[in-house]
Amino acid sequence: MDYKKSKAPVNTVTRNIMDLCDETGNIYESVVIISERANQISAQIKQDLKKKLDEFASYNDSLDEVFENREQIEISRYYEKLPKPTLLATQEFVDGNVYWREKDAAND
């Protein structure tokens, strides 16, 4: 997923709590769903960043290479400008793009 194309705000936005609990009927359940999705997004972003930065990995410890690698700096700046995973997850939840299901009490 291209997170830069997301409609999620980069800064924190004040939201009406009642809008978040419309789909679940319970604000706490909504927060749990959003937090689980934020954890998934965070892990995916971390994996993507690690994969991209591994291309630049050198096993020689040279300070000159660290400071002169423009591509690595640009990749890091790109990921720094992305919205936080919680903001992305909240926007997905509000837009109705998050699927969840309740666990069956008998199978716990």
C-alpha atoms as a PDB file:
ATOM      1  CA  MET A   1       0.000   0.000   0.000  1.00  0.00           C
ATOM      2  CA  ASP A   2       1.262   3.453  -0.837  1.00  0.00           C
ATOM      3  CA  TYR A   3       0.815   5.341   2.406  1.00  0.00           C
ATOM      4  CA  LYS A   4       1.687   8.675   0.815  1.00  0.00           C
ATOM      5  CA  LYS A   5      -1.538   8.509  -1.235  1.00  0.00           C
ATOM      6  CA  SER A   6      -3.621   8.030   1.902  1.00  0.00           C
ATOM      7  CA  LYS A   7      -6.032  10.769   2.911  1.00  0.00           C
ATOM      8  CA  ALA A   8      -4.819  10.513   6.491  1.00  0.00           C
ATOM      9  CA  PRO A   9      -3.719  13.785   8.068  1.00  0.00           C
ATOM     10  CA  VAL A  10      -0.058  14.248   8.951  1.00  0.00           C
ATOM     11  CA  ASN A  11      -0.898  16.026  12.204  1.00  0.00           C
ATOM     12  CA  THR A  12      -3.220  15.031  15.007  1.00  0.00           C
ATOM     13  CA  VAL A  13      -6.896  15.721  14.385  1.00  0.00           C
ATOM     14  CA  THR A  14      -9.585  16.121  17.019  1.00  0.00           C
ATOM     15  CA  ARG A  15     -12.382  13.647  16.337  1.00  0.00           C
ATOM     16  CA  ASN A  16     -15.843  13.164  17.724  1.00  0.00           C
ATOM     17  CA  ILE A  17     -15.800  10.014  19.835  1.00  0.00           C
ATOM     18  CA  MET A  18     -19.366   9.161  18.898  1.00  0.00           C
ATOM     19  CA  ASP A  19     -18.375   8.984  15.218  1.00  0.00           C
ATOM     20  CA  LEU A  20     -15.779   6.333  16.030  1.00  0.00           C
ATOM     21  CA  CYS A  21     -18.229   4.073  17.837  1.00  0.00           C
ATOM     22  CA  ASP A  22     -20.943   4.182  15.142  1.00  0.00           C
ATOM     23  CA  GLU A  23     -19.891   0.907  13.507  1.00  0.00           C
ATOM     24  CA  THR A  24     -19.096  -1.104  16.628  1.00  0.00           C
ATOM     25  CA  GLY A  25     -21.435   0.471  19.160  1.00  0.00           C
ATOM     26  CA  ASN A  26     -18.604   0.574  21.693  1.00  0.00           C
ATOM     27  CA  ILE A  27     -15.797   3.145  21.773  1.00  0.00           C
ATOM     28  CA  TYR A  28     -13.403   0.727  23.472  1.00  0.00           C
ATOM     29  CA  GLU A  29     -13.915  -1.897  20.805  1.00  0.00           C
ATOM     30  CA  SER A  30     -13.297   0.729  18.131  1.00  0.00           C
ATOM     31  CA  VAL A  31     -10.069   1.805  19.820  1.00  0.00           C
ATOM     32  CA  VAL A  32      -8.875  -1.810  20.009  1.00  0.00           C
ATOM     33  CA  ILE A  33      -9.615  -2.320  16.305  1.00  0.00           C
ATOM     34  CA  ILE A  34      -7.779   0.886  15.392  1.00  0.00           C
ATOM     35  CA  SER A  35      -4.801  -0.009  17.583  1.00  0.00           C
ATOM     36  CA  GLU A  36      -4.516  -3.493  16.091  1.00  0.00           C
ATOM     37  CA  ARG A  37      -4.608  -2.033  12.581  1.00  0.00           C
ATOM     38  CA  ALA A  38      -2.013   0.582  13.582  1.00  0.00           C
ATOM     39  CA  ASN A  39       0.274  -2.217  14.789  1.00  0.00           C
ATOM     40  CA  GLN A  40      -0.128  -3.992  11.432  1.00  0.00           C
ATOM     41  CA  ILE A  41       0.630  -0.800   9.510  1.00  0.00           C
ATOM     42  CA  SER A  42       3.640  -0.053  11.701  1.00  0.00           C
ATOM     43  CA  ALA A  43       5.078  -3.528  11.151  1.00  0.00           C
ATOM     44  CA  GLN A  44       4.533  -3.251   7.402  1.00  0.00           C
ATOM     45  CA  ILE A  45       6.186   0.182   7.205  1.00  0.00           C
ATOM     46  CA  LYS A  46       9.104  -1.063   9.286  1.00  0.00           C
ATOM     47  CA  GLN A  47       9.522  -4.088   7.021  1.00  0.00           C
ATOM     48  CA  ASP A  48       9.409  -1.919   3.873  1.00  0.00           C
ATOM     49  CA  LEU A  49      11.943   0.525   5.300  1.00  0.00           C
ATOM     50  CA  LYS A  50      14.275  -2.256   6.373  1.00  0.00           C
ATOM     51  CA  LYS A  51      14.083  -3.866   2.938  1.00  0.00           C
ATOM     52  CA  LYS A  52      14.923  -0.576   1.219  1.00  0.00           C
ATOM     53  CA  LEU A  53      17.754   0.284   3.593  1.00  0.00           C
ATOM     54  CA  ASP A  54      19.257  -3.213   3.313  1.00  0.00           C
ATOM     55  CA  GLU A  55      20.108  -2.371  -0.292  1.00  0.00           C
ATOM     56  CA  PHE A  56      22.527   0.247   1.039  1.00  0.00           C
ATOM     57  CA  ALA A  57      24.003  -1.912   3.773  1.00  0.00           C
ATOM     58  CA  SER A  58      27.743  -2.101   3.678  1.00  0.00           C
ATOM     59  CA  TYR A  59      29.742  -4.260   5.939  1.00  0.00           C
ATOM     60  CA  ASN A  60      32.598  -1.774   6.020  1.00  0.00           C
ATOM     61  CA  ASP A  61      32.236   0.734   8.813  1.00  0.00           C
ATOM     62  CA  SER A  62      33.216   3.936   7.111  1.00  0.00           C
ATOM     63  CA  LEU A  63      31.866   7.282   8.274  1.00  0.00           C
ATOM     64  CA  ASP A  64      32.362   8.813   4.821  1.00  0.00           C
ATOM     65  CA  GLU A  65      29.810   6.450   3.267  1.00  0.00           C
ATOM     66  CA  VAL A  66      27.212   7.128   5.954  1.00  0.00           C
ATOM     67  CA  PHE A  67      27.198  10.878   5.419  1.00  0.00           C
ATOM     68  CA  GLU A  68      27.451  10.855   1.617  1.00  0.00           C
ATOM     69  CA  ASN A  69      24.697   8.390   0.769  1.00  0.00           C
ATOM     70  CA  ARG A  70      21.989  10.701  -0.592  1.00  0.00           C
ATOM     71  CA  GLU A  71      19.608   7.908  -1.634  1.00  0.00           C
ATOM     72  CA  GLN A  72      19.496   6.549   1.893  1.00  0.00           C
ATOM     73  CA  ILE A  73      18.846  10.021   3.281  1.00  0.00           C
ATOM     74  CA  GLU A  74      15.992  10.566   0.804  1.00  0.00           C
ATOM     75  CA  ILE A  75      14.396   7.238   1.736  1.00  0.00           C
ATOM     76  CA  SER A  76      14.595   8.145   5.419  1.00  0.00           C
ATOM     77  CA  ARG A  77      13.038  11.554   4.779  1.00  0.00           C
ATOM     78  CA  TYR A  78      10.209   9.949   2.813  1.00  0.00           C
ATOM     79  CA  TYR A  79       9.335   7.676   5.732  1.00  0.00           C
ATOM     80  CA  GLU A  80       9.643  10.527   8.243  1.00  0.00           C
ATOM     81  CA  LYS A  81       7.040  12.550   6.334  1.00  0.00           C
ATOM     82  CA  LEU A  82       4.479   9.747   6.320  1.00  0.00           C
ATOM     83  CA  PRO A  83       1.493  10.020   8.660  1.00  0.00           C
ATOM     84  CA  LYS A  84       1.826   8.041  11.877  1.00  0.00           C
ATOM     85  CA  PRO A  85       0.364   4.506  11.821  1.00  0.00           C
ATOM     86  CA  THR A  86      -2.349   5.479  14.320  1.00  0.00           C
ATOM     87  CA  LEU A  87      -3.522   8.292  12.038  1.00  0.00           C
ATOM     88  CA  LEU A  88      -3.506   5.964   9.028  1.00  0.00           C
ATOM     89  CA  ALA A  89      -5.460   3.302  10.936  1.00  0.00           C
ATOM     90  CA  THR A  90      -7.992   5.815  12.227  1.00  0.00           C
ATOM     91  CA  GLN A  91      -8.573   7.178   8.739  1.00  0.00           C
ATOM     92  CA  GLU A  92      -9.022   3.651   7.371  1.00  0.00           C
ATOM     93  CA  PHE A  93     -11.512   2.901  10.155  1.00  0.00           C
ATOM     94  CA  VAL A  94     -13.499   6.090   9.529  1.00  0.00           C
ATOM     95  CA  ASP A  95     -13.559   5.395   5.774  1.00  0.00           C
ATOM     96  CA  GLY A  96     -14.810   1.849   6.415  1.00  0.00           C
ATOM     97  CA  ASN A  97     -11.734   0.165   4.942  1.00  0.00           C
ATOM     98  CA  VAL A  98     -10.960  -1.998   7.984  1.00  0.00           C
ATOM     99  CA  TYR A  99     -12.345  -5.512   8.259  1.00  0.00           C
ATOM    100  CA  TRP A 100     -12.648  -7.139  11.670  1.00  0.00           C
ATOM    101  CA  ARG A 101     -14.510 -10.005  13.238  1.00  0.00           C
ATOM    102  CA  GLU A 102     -15.290 -10.865  16.805  1.00  0.00           C
ATOM    103  CA  LYS A 103     -13.691 -13.889  18.380  1.00  0.00           C
ATOM    104  CA  ASP A 104     -16.023 -16.680  19.317  1.00  0.00           C
ATOM    105  CA  ALA A 105     -16.180 -17.029  23.111  1.00  0.00           C
ATOM    106  CA  ALA A 106     -16.275 -20.833  22.837  1.00  0.00           C
ATOM    107  CA  ASN A 107     -12.975 -20.945  20.904  1.00  0.00           C
ATOM    108  CA  ASP A 108     -10.958 -18.750  23.314  1.00  0.00           C
END
